[in-house]
PDB file of N, CA and C in Angstrom:
ATOM      1  N   MET A   1      46.398  55.494 141.737  1.00  0.00           N
ATOM      2  CA  MET A   1      45.337  55.748 142.687  1.00  0.00           C
ATOM      3  C   MET A   1      44.582  57.000 142.290  1.00  0.00           C
ATOM      4  N   ASN A   2      43.308  56.912 142.419  1.00  0.00           N
ATOM      5  CA  ASN A   2      42.475  58.078 142.145  1.00  0.00           C
ATOM      6  C   ASN A   2      42.215  58.816 143.448  1.00  0.00           C
ATOM      7  N   PRO A   3      42.551  60.086 143.480  1.00  0.00           N
ATOM      8  CA  PRO A   3      42.242  60.828 144.707  1.00  0.00           C
ATOM      9  C   PRO A   3      40.734  60.993 144.839  1.00  0.00           C
ATOM     10  N   ALA A   4      40.287  61.025 146.067  1.00  0.00           N
ATOM     11  CA  ALA A   4      38.851  61.198 146.316  1.00  0.00           C
ATOM     12  C   ALA A   4      38.435  62.596 145.875  1.00  0.00           C
ATOM     13  N   ARG A   5      37.306  62.647 145.198  1.00  0.00           N
ATOM     14  CA  ARG A   5      36.806  63.948 144.741  1.00  0.00           C
ATOM     15  C   ARG A   5      36.095  64.639 145.883  1.00  0.00           C
ATOM     16  N   ALA A   6      36.438  65.871 146.087  1.00  0.00           N
ATOM     17  CA  ALA A   6      35.769  66.651 147.126  1.00  0.00           C
ATOM     18  C   ALA A   6      34.382  67.038 146.634  1.00  0.00           C
ATOM     19  N   PRO A   7      33.397  67.053 147.509  1.00  0.00           N
ATOM     20  CA  PRO A   7      32.054  67.459 147.070  1.00  0.00           C
ATOM     21  C   PRO A   7      32.047  68.920 146.629  1.00  0.00           C
ATOM     22  N   GLN A   8      31.275  69.186 145.586  1.00  0.00           N
ATOM     23  CA  GLN A   8      31.195  70.543 145.065  1.00  0.00           C
ATOM     24  C   GLN A   8      30.108  71.314 145.793  1.00  0.00           C
ATOM     25  N   SER A   9      30.337  72.600 145.928  1.00  0.00           N
ATOM     26  CA  SER A   9      29.282  73.450 146.471  1.00  0.00           C
ATOM     27  C   SER A   9      28.254  73.706 145.373  1.00  0.00           C
ATOM     28  N   ALA A  10      27.083  74.158 145.781  1.00  0.00           N
ATOM     29  CA  ALA A  10      26.012  74.404 144.806  1.00  0.00           C
ATOM     30  C   ALA A  10      26.405  75.471 143.776  1.00  0.00           C
ATOM     31  N   PRO A  11      26.996  76.606 144.186  1.00  0.00           N
ATOM     32  CA  PRO A  11      27.394  77.591 143.164  1.00  0.00           C
ATOM     33  C   PRO A  11      28.453  77.055 142.197  1.00  0.00           C
ATOM     34  N   ALA A  12      29.371  76.229 142.708  1.00  0.00           N
ATOM     35  CA  ALA A  12      30.389  75.666 141.820  1.00  0.00           C
ATOM     36  C   ALA A  12      29.756  74.703 140.824  1.00  0.00           C
ATOM     37  N   ARG A  13      28.780  73.923 141.273  1.00  0.00           N
ATOM     38  CA  ARG A  13      28.096  72.986 140.375  1.00  0.00           C
ATOM     39  C   ARG A  13      27.297  73.743 139.314  1.00  0.00           C
ATOM     40  N   LEU A  14      26.610  74.820 139.715  1.00  0.00           N
ATOM     41  CA  LEU A  14      25.855  75.626 138.749  1.00  0.00           C
ATOM     42  C   LEU A  14      26.781  76.294 137.736  1.00  0.00           C
ATOM     43  N   ALA A  15      27.937  76.759 138.213  1.00  0.00           N
ATOM     44  CA  ALA A  15      28.899  77.369 137.293  1.00  0.00           C
ATOM     45  C   ALA A  15      29.424  76.338 136.298  1.00  0.00           C
ATOM     46  N   GLN A  16      29.642  75.109 136.771  1.00  0.00           N
ATOM     47  CA  GLN A  16      30.103  74.049 135.878  1.00  0.00           C
ATOM     48  C   GLN A  16      29.036  73.714 134.837  1.00  0.00           C
ATOM     49  N   ILE A  17      27.767  73.646 135.248  1.00  0.00           N
ATOM     50  CA  ILE A  17      26.675  73.369 134.311  1.00  0.00           C
ATOM     51  C   ILE A  17      26.571  74.485 133.280  1.00  0.00           C
ATOM     52  N   ALA A  18      26.693  75.748 133.732  1.00  0.00           N
ATOM     53  CA  ALA A  18      26.627  76.881 132.804  1.00  0.00           C
ATOM     54  C   ALA A  18      27.790  76.845 131.811  1.00  0.00           C
ATOM     55  N   LEU A  19      28.974  76.489 132.296  1.00  0.00           N
ATOM     56  CA  LEU A  19      30.138  76.397 131.410  1.00  0.00           C
ATOM     57  C   LEU A  19      29.946  75.302 130.366  1.00  0.00           C
ATOM     58  N   TYR A  20      29.427  74.160 130.785  1.00  0.00           N
ATOM     59  CA  TYR A  20      29.149  73.086 129.830  1.00  0.00           C
ATOM     60  C   TYR A  20      28.072  73.506 128.828  1.00  0.00           C
ATOM     61  N   GLY A  21      27.098  74.294 129.274  1.00  0.00           N
ATOM     62  CA  GLY A  21      26.067  74.793 128.365  1.00  0.00           C
ATOM     63  C   GLY A  21      26.644  75.710 127.304  1.00  0.00           C
ATOM     64  N   VAL A  22      27.546  76.581 127.716  1.00  0.00           N
ATOM     65  CA  VAL A  22      28.199  77.474 126.752  1.00  0.00           C
ATOM     66  C   VAL A  22      29.072  76.664 125.790  1.00  0.00           C
ATOM     67  N   ALA A  23      29.733  75.632 126.302  1.00  0.00           N
ATOM     68  CA  ALA A  23      30.536  74.768 125.426  1.00  0.00           C
ATOM     69  C   ALA A  23      29.647  74.025 124.433  1.00  0.00           C
ATOM     70  N   ALA A  24      28.483  73.568 124.889  1.00  0.00           N
ATOM     71  CA  ALA A  24      27.545  72.900 123.974  1.00  0.00           C
ATOM     72  C   ALA A  24      27.077  73.869 122.898  1.00  0.00           C
ATOM     73  N   ALA A  25      26.848  75.123 123.281  1.00  0.00           N
ATOM     74  CA  ALA A  25      26.450  76.136 122.302  1.00  0.00           C
ATOM     75  C   ALA A  25      27.563  76.372 121.291  1.00  0.00           C
ATOM     76  N   ALA A  26      28.800  76.414 121.761  1.00  0.00           N
ATOM     77  CA  ALA A  26      29.921  76.644 120.851  1.00  0.00           C
ATOM     78  C   ALA A  26      30.068  75.495 119.852  1.00  0.00           C
ATOM     79  N   VAL A  27      29.962  74.274 120.342  1.00  0.00           N
ATOM     80  CA  VAL A  27      30.115  73.112 119.456  1.00  0.00           C
ATOM     81  C   VAL A  27      28.964  73.047 118.453  1.00  0.00           C
ATOM     82  N   ALA A  28      27.732  73.174 118.946  1.00  0.00           N
ATOM     83  CA  ALA A  28      26.573  73.105 118.043  1.00  0.00           C
ATOM     84  C   ALA A  28      26.585  74.270 117.058  1.00  0.00           C
ATOM     85  N   GLY A  29      26.933  75.453 117.534  1.00  0.00           N
ATOM     86  CA  GLY A  29      26.991  76.615 116.655  1.00  0.00           C
ATOM     87  C   GLY A  29      28.046  76.468 115.575  1.00  0.00           C
ATOM     88  N   LEU A  30      29.213  75.979 115.962  1.00  0.00           N
ATOM     89  CA  LEU A  30      30.284  75.791 114.984  1.00  0.00           C
ATOM     90  C   LEU A  30      29.900  74.750 113.936  1.00  0.00           C
ATOM     91  N   LEU A  31      29.322  73.651 114.380  1.00  0.00           N
ATOM     92  CA  LEU A  31      28.915  72.615 113.422  1.00  0.00           C
ATOM     93  C   LEU A  31      27.841  73.115 112.463  1.00  0.00           C
ATOM     94  N   THR A  32      26.850  73.827 112.977  1.00  0.00           N
ATOM     95  CA  THR A  32      25.793  74.317 112.087  1.00  0.00           C
ATOM     96  C   THR A  32      26.321  75.399 111.147  1.00  0.00           C
ATOM     97  N   LEU A  33      27.260  76.212 111.607  1.00  0.00           N
ATOM     98  CA  LEU A  33      27.858  77.217 110.721  1.00  0.00           C
ATOM     99  C   LEU A  33      28.665  76.559 109.605  1.00  0.00           C
ATOM    100  N   ILE A  34      29.410  75.514 109.940  1.00  0.00           N
ATOM    101  CA  ILE A  34      30.193  74.810 108.917  1.00  0.00           C
ATOM    102  C   ILE A  34      29.273  74.171 107.886  1.00  0.00           C
ATOM    103  N   VAL A  35      28.228  73.502 108.357  1.00  0.00           N
ATOM    104  CA  VAL A  35      27.289  72.859 107.429  1.00  0.00           C
ATOM    105  C   VAL A  35      26.623  73.905 106.540  1.00  0.00           C
ATOM    106  N   SER A  36      26.223  75.026 107.121  1.00  0.00           N
ATOM    107  CA  SER A  36      25.572  76.077 106.339  1.00  0.00           C
ATOM    108  C   SER A  36      26.530  76.667 105.305  1.00  0.00           C
ATOM    109  N   ALA A  37      27.779  76.879 105.701  1.00  0.00           N
ATOM    110  CA  ALA A  37      28.752  77.445 104.767  1.00  0.00           C
ATOM    111  C   ALA A  37      29.043  76.487 103.617  1.00  0.00           C
ATOM    112  N   VAL A  38      29.122  75.203 103.916  1.00  0.00           N
ATOM    113  CA  VAL A  38      29.396  74.217 102.866  1.00  0.00           C
ATOM    114  C   VAL A  38      28.209  74.103 101.914  1.00  0.00           C
ATOM    115  N   LEU A  39      27.004  74.040 102.471  1.00  0.00           N
ATOM    116  CA  LEU A  39      25.823  73.862 101.627  1.00  0.00           C
ATOM    117  C   LEU A  39      25.498  75.094 100.794  1.00  0.00           C
ATOM    118  N   ASN A  40      25.769  76.277 101.330  1.00  0.00           N
ATOM    119  CA  ASN A  40      25.416  77.509 100.625  1.00  0.00           C
ATOM    120  C   ASN A  40      26.592  78.124  99.870  1.00  0.00           C
ATOM    121  N   GLY A  41      27.752  77.539  99.947  1.00  0.00           N
ATOM    122  CA  GLY A  41      28.904  78.068  99.225  1.00  0.00           C
ATOM    123  C   GLY A  41      29.455  79.337  99.840  1.00  0.00           C
ATOM    124  N   GLY A  42      29.208  79.588 101.063  1.00  0.00           N
ATOM    125  CA  GLY A  42      29.688  80.768 101.761  1.00  0.00           C
ATOM    126  C   GLY A  42      28.795  81.050 102.950  1.00  0.00           C
ATOM    127  N   LEU A  43      29.140  82.089 103.677  1.00  0.00           N
ATOM    128  CA  LEU A  43      28.377  82.393 104.882  1.00  0.00           C
ATOM    129  C   LEU A  43      28.087  83.884 104.937  1.00  0.00           C
ATOM    130  N   THR A  44      26.825  84.219 105.008  1.00  0.00           N
ATOM    131  CA  THR A  44      26.404  85.603 105.167  1.00  0.00           C
ATOM    132  C   THR A  44      25.869  85.783 106.579  1.00  0.00           C
ATOM    133  N   ARG A  45      25.579  87.020 106.923  1.00  0.00           N
ATOM    134  CA  ARG A  45      25.038  87.292 108.257  1.00  0.00           C
ATOM    135  C   ARG A  45      23.685  86.610 108.438  1.00  0.00           C
ATOM    136  N   ALA A  46      22.837  86.686 107.427  1.00  0.00           N
ATOM    137  CA  ALA A  46      21.524  86.033 107.509  1.00  0.00           C
ATOM    138  C   ALA A  46      21.679  84.516 107.545  1.00  0.00           C
ATOM    139  N   GLY A  47      22.622  83.994 106.779  1.00  0.00           N
ATOM    140  CA  GLY A  47      22.871  82.555 106.790  1.00  0.00           C
ATOM    141  C   GLY A  47      23.397  82.081 108.132  1.00  0.00           C
ATOM    142  N   ALA A  48      24.252  82.904 108.760  1.00  0.00           N
ATOM    143  CA  ALA A  48      24.770  82.553 110.083  1.00  0.00           C
ATOM    144  C   ALA A  48      23.655  82.554 111.118  1.00  0.00           C
ATOM    145  N   ALA A  49      22.780  83.553 111.046  1.00  0.00           N
ATOM    146  CA  ALA A  49      21.660  83.605 111.990  1.00  0.00           C
ATOM    147  C   ALA A  49      20.738  82.406 111.805  1.00  0.00           C
ATOM    148  N   ASP A  50      20.499  82.043 110.563  1.00  0.00           N
ATOM    149  CA  ASP A  50      19.651  80.879 110.289  1.00  0.00           C
ATOM    150  C   ASP A  50      20.297  79.591 110.801  1.00  0.00           C
ATOM    151  N   ALA A  51      21.593  79.430 110.559  1.00  0.00           N
ATOM    152  CA  ALA A  51      22.296  78.228 111.008  1.00  0.00           C
ATOM    153  C   ALA A  51      22.312  78.133 112.530  1.00  0.00           C
ATOM    154  N   LEU A  52      22.571  79.247 113.202  1.00  0.00           N
ATOM    155  CA  LEU A  52      22.589  79.228 114.666  1.00  0.00           C
ATOM    156  C   LEU A  52      21.198  78.979 115.235  1.00  0.00           C
ATOM    157  N   GLY A  53      20.180  79.436 114.518  1.00  0.00           N
ATOM    158  CA  GLY A  53      18.809  79.132 114.938  1.00  0.00           C
ATOM    159  C   GLY A  53      18.529  77.640 114.885  1.00  0.00           C
ATOM    160  N   TRP A  54      19.038  76.992 113.839  1.00  0.00           N
ATOM    161  CA  TRP A  54      18.894  75.534 113.751  1.00  0.00           C
ATOM    162  C   TRP A  54      19.657  74.850 114.875  1.00  0.00           C
ATOM    163  N   GLY A  55      20.828  75.366 115.207  1.00  0.00           N
ATOM    164  CA  GLY A  55      21.595  74.794 116.318  1.00  0.00           C
ATOM    165  C   GLY A  55      20.849  74.901 117.635  1.00  0.00           C
ATOM    166  N   ALA A  56      20.204  76.047 117.863  1.00  0.00           N
ATOM    167  CA  ALA A  56      19.412  76.223 119.083  1.00  0.00           C
ATOM    168  C   ALA A  56      18.233  75.260 119.106  1.00  0.00           C
ATOM    169  N   LEU A  57      17.606  75.079 117.958  1.00  0.00           N
ATOM    170  CA  LEU A  57      16.472  74.153 117.871  1.00  0.00           C
ATOM    171  C   LEU A  57      16.913  72.716 118.159  1.00  0.00           C
ATOM    172  N   ILE A  58      18.043  72.325 117.620  1.00  0.00           N
ATOM    173  CA  ILE A  58      18.557  70.970 117.849  1.00  0.00           C
ATOM    174  C   ILE A  58      18.865  70.759 119.330  1.00  0.00           C
ATOM    175  N   LEU A  59      19.501  71.737 119.971  1.00  0.00           N
ATOM    176  CA  LEU A  59      19.805  71.601 121.395  1.00  0.00           C
ATOM    177  C   LEU A  59      18.532  71.562 122.237  1.00  0.00           C
ATOM    178  N   GLY A  60      17.530  72.332 121.852  1.00  0.00           N
ATOM    179  CA  GLY A  60      16.259  72.290 122.572  1.00  0.00           C
ATOM    180  C   GLY A  60      15.593  70.930 122.465  1.00  0.00           C
ATOM    181  N   PHE A  61      15.611  70.352 121.265  1.00  0.00           N
ATOM    182  CA  PHE A  61      15.053  69.007 121.091  1.00  0.00           C
ATOM    183  C   PHE A  61      15.850  67.972 121.879  1.00  0.00           C
ATOM    184  N   LEU A  62      17.162  68.127 121.931  1.00  0.00           N
ATOM    185  CA  LEU A  62      17.993  67.198 122.693  1.00  0.00           C
ATOM    186  C   LEU A  62      17.621  67.227 124.173  1.00  0.00           C
ATOM    187  N   SER A  63      17.413  68.408 124.699  1.00  0.00           N
ATOM    188  CA  SER A  63      17.016  68.527 126.098  1.00  0.00           C
ATOM    189  C   SER A  63      15.675  67.852 126.357  1.00  0.00           C
ATOM    190  N   GLY A  64      14.722  68.073 125.474  1.00  0.00           N
ATOM    191  CA  GLY A  64      13.418  67.433 125.622  1.00  0.00           C
ATOM    192  C   GLY A  64      13.496  65.927 125.488  1.00  0.00           C
ATOM    193  N   ALA A  65      14.359  65.445 124.610  1.00  0.00           N
ATOM    194  CA  ALA A  65      14.506  63.996 124.434  1.00  0.00           C
ATOM    195  C   ALA A  65      15.081  63.340 125.681  1.00  0.00           C
ATOM    196  N   VAL A  66      16.019  64.009 126.336  1.00  0.00           N
ATOM    197  CA  VAL A  66      16.583  63.465 127.575  1.00  0.00           C
ATOM    198  C   VAL A  66      15.506  63.379 128.647  1.00  0.00           C
ATOM    199  N   ALA A  67      14.731  64.435 128.807  1.00  0.00           N
ATOM    200  CA  ALA A  67      13.672  64.432 129.823  1.00  0.00           C
ATOM    201  C   ALA A  67      12.610  63.386 129.510  1.00  0.00           C
ATOM    202  N   TYR A  68      12.215  63.284 128.260  1.00  0.00           N
ATOM    203  CA  TYR A  68      11.176  62.332 127.868  1.00  0.00           C
ATOM    204  C   TYR A  68      11.632  60.889 128.071  1.00  0.00           C
ATOM    205  N   SER A  69      12.859  60.591 127.668  1.00  0.00           N
ATOM    206  CA  SER A  69      13.336  59.215 127.798  1.00  0.00           C
ATOM    207  C   SER A  69      13.513  58.826 129.257  1.00  0.00           C
ATOM    208  N   GLN A  70      13.970  59.760 130.081  1.00  0.00           N
ATOM    209  CA  GLN A  70      14.162  59.444 131.498  1.00  0.00           C
ATOM    210  C   GLN A  70      12.829  59.196 132.193  1.00  0.00           C
ATOM    211  N   SER A  71      11.819  59.991 131.877  1.00  0.00           N
ATOM    212  CA  SER A  71      10.521  59.798 132.527  1.00  0.00           C
ATOM    213  C   SER A  71       9.882  58.493 132.065  1.00  0.00           C
ATOM    214  N   GLY A  72      10.033  58.140 130.811  1.00  0.00           N
ATOM    215  CA  GLY A  72       9.495  56.878 130.313  1.00  0.00           C
ATOM    216  C   GLY A  72      10.209  55.682 130.906  1.00  0.00           C
ATOM    217  N   GLN A  73      11.506  55.797 131.066  1.00  0.00           N
ATOM    218  CA  GLN A  73      12.284  54.702 131.628  1.00  0.00           C
ATOM    219  C   GLN A  73      11.894  54.459 133.085  1.00  0.00           C
ATOM    220  N   GLY A  74      11.696  55.514 133.851  1.00  0.00           N
ATOM    221  CA  GLY A  74      11.286  55.357 135.247  1.00  0.00           C
ATOM    222  C   GLY A  74       9.907  54.736 135.368  1.00  0.00           C
ATOM    223  N   ARG A  75       9.007  55.110 134.475  1.00  0.00           N
ATOM    224  CA  ARG A  75       7.646  54.556 134.497  1.00  0.00           C
ATOM    225  C   ARG A  75       7.669  53.068 134.186  1.00  0.00           C
ATOM    226  N   ILE A  76       8.438  52.678 133.194  1.00  0.00           N
ATOM    227  CA  ILE A  76       8.523  51.266 132.816  1.00  0.00           C
ATOM    228  C   ILE A  76       9.127  50.443 133.955  1.00  0.00           C
ATOM    229  N   GLU A  77      10.180  50.955 134.559  1.00  0.00           N
ATOM    230  CA  GLU A  77      10.796  50.215 135.665  1.00  0.00           C
ATOM    231  C   GLU A  77       9.836  50.097 136.839  1.00  0.00           C
ATOM    232  N   GLY A  78       9.083  51.139 137.119  1.00  0.00           N
ATOM    233  CA  GLY A  78       8.098  51.078 138.198  1.00  0.00           C
ATOM    234  C   GLY A  78       7.025  50.040 137.940  1.00  0.00           C
ATOM    235  N   GLU A  79       6.556  49.951 136.697  1.00  0.00           N
ATOM    236  CA  GLU A  79       5.544  48.946 136.354  1.00  0.00           C
ATOM    237  C   GLU A  79       6.097  47.533 136.478  1.00  0.00           C
ATOM    238  N   MET A  80       7.340  47.331 136.060  1.00  0.00           N
ATOM    239  CA  MET A  80       7.928  45.995 136.164  1.00  0.00           C
ATOM    240  C   MET A  80       8.096  45.581 137.622  1.00  0.00           C
ATOM    241  N   ARG A  81       8.538  46.496 138.460  1.00  0.00           N
ATOM    242  CA  ARG A  81       8.707  46.161 139.874  1.00  0.00           C
ATOM    243  C   ARG A  81       7.366  45.977 140.571  1.00  0.00           C
ATOM    244  N   ALA A  82       6.346  46.705 140.133  1.00  0.00           N
ATOM    245  CA  ALA A  82       5.020  46.549 140.736  1.00  0.00           C
ATOM    246  C   ALA A  82       4.469  45.153 140.462  1.00  0.00           C
ATOM    247  N   ARG A  83       4.769  44.604 139.310  1.00  0.00           N
ATOM    248  CA  ARG A  83       4.329  43.238 139.001  1.00  0.00           C
ATOM    249  C   ARG A  83       4.967  42.224 139.939  1.00  0.00           C
ATOM    250  N   LEU A  84       6.171  42.522 140.383  1.00  0.00           N
ATOM    251  CA  LEU A  84       6.862  41.623 141.306  1.00  0.00           C
ATOM    252  C   LEU A  84       6.492  41.901 142.760  1.00  0.00           C
ATOM    253  N   GLY A  85       5.692  42.919 142.993  1.00  0.00           N
ATOM    254  CA  GLY A  85       5.293  43.263 144.354  1.00  0.00           C
ATOM    255  C   GLY A  85       6.318  44.088 145.095  1.00  0.00           C
ATOM    256  N   GLU A  86       7.258  44.662 144.389  1.00  0.00           N
ATOM    257  CA  GLU A  86       8.283  45.483 145.031  1.00  0.00           C
ATOM    258  C   GLU A  86       7.886  46.949 144.956  1.00  0.00           C
ATOM    259  N   SER A  87       8.264  47.682 145.966  1.00  0.00           N
ATOM    260  CA  SER A  87       8.037  49.127 145.902  1.00  0.00           C
ATOM    261  C   SER A  87       9.217  49.749 145.154  1.00  0.00           C
ATOM    262  N   TYR A  88       8.944  50.836 144.504  1.00  0.00           N
ATOM    263  CA  TYR A  88       9.987  51.465 143.698  1.00  0.00           C
ATOM    264  C   TYR A  88       9.719  52.953 143.642  1.00  0.00           C
ATOM    265  N   ARG A  89      10.714  53.705 143.982  1.00  0.00           N
ATOM    266  CA  ARG A  89      10.626  55.156 143.856  1.00  0.00           C
ATOM    267  C   ARG A  89      11.424  55.552 142.621  1.00  0.00           C
ATOM    268  N   ALA A  90      10.714  56.083 141.670  1.00  0.00           N
ATOM    269  CA  ALA A  90      11.368  56.456 140.411  1.00  0.00           C
ATOM    270  C   ALA A  90      12.381  57.569 140.662  1.00  0.00           C
ATOM    271  N   PRO A  91      13.522  57.486 140.005  1.00  0.00           N
ATOM    272  CA  PRO A  91      14.511  58.554 140.172  1.00  0.00           C
ATOM    273  C   PRO A  91      13.997  59.855 139.565  1.00  0.00           C
ATOM    274  N   GLY A  92      14.513  60.944 140.074  1.00  0.00           N
ATOM    275  CA  GLY A  92      14.131  62.247 139.533  1.00  0.00           C
ATOM    276  C   GLY A  92      14.751  62.469 138.161  1.00  0.00           C
ATOM    277  N   LEU A  93      14.386  63.565 137.574  1.00  0.00           N
ATOM    278  CA  LEU A  93      14.936  63.899 136.259  1.00  0.00           C
ATOM    279  C   LEU A  93      16.412  64.267 136.388  1.00  0.00           C
ATOM    280  N   PRO A  94      17.217  63.945 135.397  1.00  0.00           N
ATOM    281  CA  PRO A  94      18.637  64.309 135.425  1.00  0.00           C
ATOM    282  C   PRO A  94      18.803  65.787 135.034  1.00  0.00           C
ATOM    283  N   TRP A  95      18.616  66.668 135.987  1.00  0.00           N
ATOM    284  CA  TRP A  95      18.592  68.099 135.681  1.00  0.00           C
ATOM    285  C   TRP A  95      19.854  68.626 135.010  1.00  0.00           C
ATOM    286  N   PRO A  96      21.048  68.215 135.408  1.00  0.00           N
ATOM    287  CA  PRO A  96      22.218  68.736 134.677  1.00  0.00           C
ATOM    288  C   PRO A  96      22.196  68.378 133.195  1.00  0.00           C
ATOM    289  N   GLN A  97      21.800  67.140 132.871  1.00  0.00           N
ATOM    290  CA  GLN A  97      21.759  66.724 131.468  1.00  0.00           C
ATOM    291  C   GLN A  97      20.635  67.405 130.705  1.00  0.00           C
ATOM    292  N   ILE A  98      19.635  67.900 131.393  1.00  0.00           N
ATOM    293  CA  ILE A  98      18.558  68.642 130.738  1.00  0.00           C
ATOM    294  C   ILE A  98      18.937  70.112 130.594  1.00  0.00           C
ATOM    295  N   LEU A  99      19.567  70.670 131.628  1.00  0.00           N
ATOM    296  CA  LEU A  99      19.880  72.099 131.623  1.00  0.00           C
ATOM    297  C   LEU A  99      21.029  72.466 130.687  1.00  0.00           C
ATOM    298  N   ILE A 100      21.988  71.576 130.512  1.00  0.00           N
ATOM    299  CA  ILE A 100      23.143  71.906 129.667  1.00  0.00           C
ATOM    300  C   ILE A 100      22.717  72.229 128.235  1.00  0.00           C
ATOM    301  N   PRO A 101      21.927  71.376 127.551  1.00  0.00           N
ATOM    302  CA  PRO A 101      21.501  71.773 126.201  1.00  0.00           C
ATOM    303  C   PRO A 101      20.548  72.964 126.202  1.00  0.00           C
ATOM    304  N   LEU A 102      19.751  73.120 127.266  1.00  0.00           N
ATOM    305  CA  LEU A 102      18.862  74.288 127.322  1.00  0.00           C
ATOM    306  C   LEU A 102      19.654  75.583 127.430  1.00  0.00           C
ATOM    307  N   ILE A 103      20.715  75.571 128.225  1.00  0.00           N
ATOM    308  CA  ILE A 103      21.567  76.759 128.328  1.00  0.00           C
ATOM    309  C   ILE A 103      22.230  77.029 126.981  1.00  0.00           C
ATOM    310  N   GLY A 104      22.701  75.969 126.325  1.00  0.00           N
ATOM    311  CA  GLY A 104      23.292  76.134 124.992  1.00  0.00           C
ATOM    312  C   GLY A 104      22.308  76.707 123.994  1.00  0.00           C
ATOM    313  N   ALA A 105      21.062  76.224 124.043  1.00  0.00           N
ATOM    314  CA  ALA A 105      20.030  76.754 123.144  1.00  0.00           C
ATOM    315  C   ALA A 105      19.757  78.222 123.443  1.00  0.00           C
ATOM    316  N   GLY A 106      19.763  78.576 124.713  1.00  0.00           N
ATOM    317  CA  GLY A 106      19.557  79.976 125.084  1.00  0.00           C
ATOM    318  C   GLY A 106      20.679  80.876 124.594  1.00  0.00           C
ATOM    319  N   VAL A 107      21.912  80.397 124.700  1.00  0.00           N
ATOM    320  CA  VAL A 107      23.057  81.179 124.220  1.00  0.00           C
ATOM    321  C   VAL A 107      22.968  81.377 122.706  1.00  0.00           C
ATOM    322  N   LEU A 108      22.672  80.304 121.979  1.00  0.00           N
ATOM    323  CA  LEU A 108      22.558  80.432 120.519  1.00  0.00           C
ATOM    324  C   LEU A 108      21.388  81.330 120.131  1.00  0.00           C
ATOM    325  N   SER A 109      20.282  81.242 120.858  1.00  0.00           N
ATOM    326  CA  SER A 109      19.137  82.114 120.565  1.00  0.00           C
ATOM    327  C   SER A 109      19.479  83.575 120.814  1.00  0.00           C
ATOM    328  N   ALA A 110      20.259  83.844 121.849  1.00  0.00           N
ATOM    329  CA  ALA A 110      20.681  85.222 122.118  1.00  0.00           C
ATOM    330  C   ALA A 110      21.587  85.738 121.000  1.00  0.00           C
ATOM    331  N   ILE A 111      22.450  84.887 120.478  1.00  0.00           N
ATOM    332  CA  ILE A 111      23.317  85.293 119.368  1.00  0.00           C
ATOM    333  C   ILE A 111      22.488  85.552 118.114  1.00  0.00           C
ATOM    334  N   VAL A 112      21.494  84.691 117.864  1.00  0.00           N
ATOM    335  CA  VAL A 112      20.604  84.904 116.710  1.00  0.00           C
ATOM    336  C   VAL A 112      19.869  86.224 116.859  1.00  0.00           C
ATOM    337  N   PHE A 113      19.393  86.520 118.063  1.00  0.00           N
ATOM    338  CA  PHE A 113      18.696  87.783 118.313  1.00  0.00           C
ATOM    339  C   PHE A 113      19.628  88.965 118.054  1.00  0.00           C
ATOM    340  N   ALA A 114      20.889  88.835 118.459  1.00  0.00           N
ATOM    341  CA  ALA A 114      21.851  89.918 118.241  1.00  0.00           C
ATOM    342  C   ALA A 114      22.182  90.089 116.756  1.00  0.00           C
ATOM    343  N   LEU A 115      22.189  88.994 116.003  1.00  0.00           N
ATOM    344  CA  LEU A 115      22.501  89.088 114.574  1.00  0.00           C
ATOM    345  C   LEU A 115      21.356  89.680 113.757  1.00  0.00           C
ATOM    346  N   ASN A 116      20.125  89.510 114.225  1.00  0.00           N
ATOM    347  CA  ASN A 116      18.967  90.012 113.468  1.00  0.00           C
ATOM    348  C   ASN A 116      18.618  91.402 113.834  1.00  0.00           C
TER     349      ASN A 116
END
């Protein structure tokens, strides 16, 4: 049996989103550092800053892709339902899925700023 999940308070939900954002930054940062070290035969401070910058860029694009795909999907569904004469209220943007990579990109950008 699965116990019923208690509803989260707003601060607890924001803390969870921030924690996931930091985890996304750690994973993306580690992967980009490994790729940079393998391709360059080692890792320097400038190479680490460059790799983490790429990680931040990738996470930023991921966030934009989620927002873009969700808005396009809602528009298409609205048009299909309008043809059938049904009313349809498009769902809002999935803010947690957009904010998590943005927070990760911000964390990596702050680390790049500290390294430079």
